[in-house]
Amino acid sequence: MKFRQLAGRIGFYGLVALILFYAVFPFYWAVISSLKSGSAIFHVELIPSAATLENYRALFIEQPFARNILNGQDIIMLSDGLAKRTYCYTADAVSGYFKVLVKGRDGEAYNVGVEHPEISVIELAERAIALGRELFGYKGKVVRSVSADKEYLVDNPNRRCPIITKARTELGYDPRVIVDEGLKRSLLWYSGNREASEA
């Protein structure tokens, strides 16, 4: 009898551990992937051999458009700004991740993001500047410079654009917020949350 109870408990906790693994692993993988350089992103490693915060630095430090606009500063661009990206609004991305978690097939990968428009980083900055002028009377401009870090953007791809057909057809994922609306919402949010814009 004790053996059956022990086996039952082991089976129950094993099942709970398996469910937790399936629920948590996608988030773990997203975080681990964000710590990889551009050249290492396709290498499968549970723990990156050379973790880097370069992706976060590039996002929050090197291109702080909202902070620059709200503080009336010029936007300093440490590249030619020609790399093209698609930009997904946070609410659309979270919606996509949730759909993957709830509806996604086990072991399948899904792209979350938007497929269009593909715009250059310099164009994104110009759109942000135009909105800054409209919303806050911003008078700054884009100033091109060179990073002191010789490794800056060495592995940076010139184009990032996900194909989301699979997420659309299998999960019903349908991002709706266009770039200009997302920029406007973001700038308005940061204007009311200045401490966050300094992060």
Protein backbone atom coordinates (compact mmCIF):
# COMPACT_ATOMS: atom_id res chain seq x y z
CA MET A 1 0.00 0.00 0.00
CA LYS A 2 2.80 2.41 0.91
CA PHE A 3 4.58 1.57 -2.32
CA ARG A 4 1.44 2.45 -4.33
CA GLN A 5 1.07 5.75 -2.50
CA LEU A 6 4.72 6.56 -3.09
CA ALA A 7 4.48 5.62 -6.77
CA GLY A 8 1.31 7.72 -7.08
CA ARG A 9 3.01 10.74 -5.54
CA ILE A 10 6.08 10.36 -7.74
CA GLY A 11 3.84 10.09 -10.81
CA PHE A 12 1.81 13.15 -9.76
CA TYR A 13 4.86 15.32 -9.10
CA GLY A 14 6.49 14.07 -12.27
CA LEU A 15 3.40 15.14 -14.25
CA VAL A 16 3.36 18.55 -12.53
CA ALA A 17 7.06 18.99 -13.32
CA LEU A 18 6.44 18.07 -16.98
CA ILE A 19 3.56 20.55 -17.28
CA LEU A 20 5.65 23.28 -15.65
CA PHE A 21 8.50 22.52 -18.03
CA TYR A 22 6.23 22.92 -21.07
CA ALA A 23 4.76 26.13 -19.64
CA VAL A 24 8.04 27.76 -18.59
CA PHE A 25 10.53 26.56 -21.20
CA PRO A 26 9.34 28.87 -24.05
CA PHE A 27 9.92 31.91 -21.83
CA TYR A 28 13.27 30.57 -20.68
CA TRP A 29 14.27 30.00 -24.32
CA ALA A 30 13.22 33.55 -25.28
CA VAL A 31 15.33 35.04 -22.47
CA ILE A 32 18.34 32.82 -23.26
CA SER A 33 18.09 33.69 -26.96
CA SER A 34 18.03 37.40 -26.12
CA LEU A 35 21.41 36.95 -24.40
CA LYS A 36 23.07 35.61 -27.57
CA SER A 37 24.91 37.64 -30.16
CA GLY A 38 23.53 37.83 -33.70
CA SER A 39 25.97 35.21 -34.97
CA ALA A 40 25.13 32.75 -32.16
CA ILE A 41 21.36 33.04 -32.28
CA PHE A 42 20.93 29.84 -34.33
CA HIS A 43 23.29 27.73 -32.18
CA VAL A 44 21.29 25.49 -29.87
CA GLU A 45 22.57 25.97 -26.31
CA LEU A 46 20.58 25.67 -23.08
CA ILE A 47 23.08 28.06 -21.48
CA PRO A 48 24.87 30.49 -23.83
CA SER A 49 28.64 29.96 -23.86
CA ALA A 50 29.17 33.71 -24.38
CA ALA A 51 26.18 35.56 -22.93
CA THR A 52 25.91 39.23 -23.85
CA LEU A 53 23.61 42.11 -22.97
CA GLU A 54 24.33 43.78 -26.33
CA ASN A 55 20.74 43.28 -27.56
CA TYR A 56 19.35 45.04 -24.48
CA ARG A 57 21.99 47.76 -24.65
CA ALA A 58 21.12 48.42 -28.28
CA LEU A 59 17.43 48.54 -27.46
CA PHE A 60 17.43 50.60 -24.27
CA ILE A 61 20.63 52.62 -24.36
CA GLU A 62 21.79 53.13 -27.93
CA GLN A 63 18.35 53.97 -29.34
CA PRO A 64 16.37 55.64 -26.54
CA PHE A 65 14.15 57.61 -28.94
CA ALA A 66 11.41 58.26 -26.37
CA ARG A 67 13.86 59.52 -23.75
CA ASN A 68 15.58 61.80 -26.27
CA ILE A 69 12.29 63.25 -27.50
CA LEU A 70 10.80 63.81 -24.04
CA ASN A 71 14.01 65.48 -22.84
CA GLY A 72 14.29 67.65 -25.94
CA GLN A 73 17.60 66.00 -26.94
CA ASP A 74 18.84 65.14 -30.40
CA ILE A 75 18.62 61.44 -31.30
CA ILE A 76 22.17 60.10 -31.55
CA MET A 77 22.39 57.29 -34.10
CA LEU A 78 25.53 55.18 -33.92
CA SER A 79 25.06 53.58 -37.34
CA ASP A 80 23.96 54.52 -40.84
CA GLY A 81 20.41 53.61 -39.79
CA LEU A 82 19.79 51.62 -42.97
CA ALA A 83 19.13 48.24 -41.33
CA LYS A 84 15.48 47.30 -41.89
CA ARG A 85 13.14 45.95 -39.26
CA THR A 86 9.47 45.37 -38.62
CA TYR A 87 8.20 46.74 -35.33
CA CYS A 88 5.54 44.96 -33.29
CA TYR A 89 3.58 46.79 -30.60
CA THR A 90 3.96 45.22 -27.16
CA ALA A 91 0.27 44.36 -26.73
CA ASP A 92 0.26 42.53 -30.07
CA ALA A 93 3.42 40.63 -29.11
CA VAL A 94 2.00 39.60 -25.72
CA SER A 95 -1.21 38.48 -27.43
CA GLY A 96 0.88 36.34 -29.80
CA TYR A 97 2.92 34.76 -27.00
CA PHE A 98 -0.27 33.96 -25.10
CA LYS A 99 -1.80 32.31 -28.17
CA VAL A 100 1.34 30.21 -28.63
CA LEU A 101 1.16 29.16 -24.98
CA VAL A 102 -2.54 28.27 -25.07
CA LYS A 103 -3.11 27.05 -28.64
CA GLY A 104 0.34 26.15 -29.96
CA ARG A 105 1.19 22.56 -30.84
CA ASP A 106 3.78 20.84 -28.65
CA GLY A 107 7.30 21.12 -30.03
CA GLU A 108 6.33 23.64 -32.72
CA ALA A 109 7.96 27.03 -33.20
CA TYR A 110 5.88 30.08 -34.06
CA ASN A 111 7.03 33.53 -35.14
CA VAL A 112 5.40 36.41 -33.29
CA GLY A 113 5.69 39.92 -34.69
CA VAL A 114 4.57 41.75 -37.81
CA GLU A 115 5.55 41.17 -41.43
CA HIS A 116 5.17 44.73 -42.67
CA PRO A 117 5.99 47.49 -43.08
CA GLU A 118 9.73 46.92 -43.19
CA ILE A 119 11.30 50.25 -42.31
CA SER A 120 14.84 51.34 -41.64
CA VAL A 121 16.00 52.42 -38.19
CA ILE A 122 16.54 55.94 -39.52
CA GLU A 123 12.96 56.01 -40.82
CA LEU A 124 11.70 54.87 -37.41
CA ALA A 125 13.64 57.74 -35.83
CA GLU A 126 12.17 60.20 -38.34
CA ARG A 127 8.65 58.96 -37.61
CA ALA A 128 9.29 59.30 -33.87
CA ILE A 129 10.60 62.85 -34.43
CA ALA A 130 7.50 63.79 -36.46
CA LEU A 131 5.23 62.50 -33.69
CA GLY A 132 7.36 64.24 -31.06
CA ARG A 133 6.89 67.54 -32.89
CA GLU A 134 3.15 66.98 -33.20
CA LEU A 135 2.59 65.87 -29.60
CA PHE A 136 5.22 67.78 -27.59
CA GLY A 137 6.70 70.49 -29.84
CA TYR A 138 9.98 68.54 -30.08
CA LYS A 139 12.71 70.47 -31.91
CA GLY A 140 15.50 67.89 -32.03
CA LYS A 141 16.98 66.00 -34.97
CA VAL A 142 18.90 62.84 -35.81
CA VAL A 143 22.67 63.19 -35.34
CA ARG A 144 24.83 60.44 -36.80
CA SER A 145 27.88 59.37 -34.84
CA VAL A 146 30.22 56.40 -34.39
CA SER A 147 30.19 54.09 -31.37
CA ALA A 148 33.31 53.93 -29.23
CA ASP A 149 32.69 50.17 -28.97
CA LYS A 150 34.50 48.54 -31.92
CA GLU A 151 32.26 45.47 -31.61
CA TYR A 152 29.06 47.52 -31.84
CA LEU A 153 26.71 46.07 -34.46
CA VAL A 154 29.39 43.71 -35.84
CA ASP A 155 26.91 40.81 -35.99
CA ASN A 156 23.87 42.97 -36.66
CA PRO A 157 21.71 41.62 -39.51
CA ASN A 158 20.60 44.15 -42.13
CA ARG A 159 17.08 42.77 -42.19
CA ARG A 160 14.75 41.31 -39.56
CA CYS A 161 11.26 40.38 -40.67
CA PRO A 162 9.35 37.38 -39.30
CA ILE A 163 7.03 35.27 -41.43
CA ILE A 164 3.94 34.84 -39.26
CA THR A 165 1.73 32.80 -41.62
CA LYS A 166 1.86 29.76 -39.34
CA ALA A 167 0.82 31.78 -36.27
CA ARG A 168 -1.98 33.41 -38.26
CA THR A 169 -3.42 30.16 -39.65
CA GLU A 170 -2.93 27.87 -36.65
CA LEU A 171 -3.40 30.26 -33.74
CA GLY A 172 -5.53 33.06 -35.14
CA TYR A 173 -2.75 35.54 -34.34
CA ASP A 174 -3.62 38.89 -35.89
CA PRO A 175 -1.48 41.89 -34.86
CA ARG A 176 -3.44 45.09 -35.37
CA VAL A 177 -1.47 48.09 -34.10
CA ILE A 178 0.40 49.79 -36.95
CA VAL A 179 3.83 51.36 -36.44
CA ASP A 180 2.74 55.00 -36.21
CA GLU A 181 -0.07 54.19 -33.77
CA GLY A 182 2.30 52.07 -31.67
CA LEU A 183 4.87 54.89 -31.61
CA LYS A 184 2.20 57.40 -30.62
CA ARG A 185 0.88 55.21 -27.80
CA SER A 186 4.42 54.56 -26.58
CA LEU A 187 5.42 58.23 -26.56
CA LEU A 188 2.23 59.21 -24.74
CA TRP A 189 2.77 56.45 -22.18
CA TYR A 190 6.39 57.47 -21.58
CA SER A 191 5.35 61.11 -21.26
CA GLY A 192 3.15 60.13 -18.30
CA ASN A 193 5.77 57.75 -16.87
CA ARG A 194 9.00 59.69 -17.07
CA GLU A 195 10.81 57.45 -14.58
CA ALA A 196 10.31 54.52 -17.00
CA SER A 197 11.67 56.54 -19.92
CA GLU A 198 14.91 56.98 -17.98
CA ALA A 199 15.42 53.20 -17.64
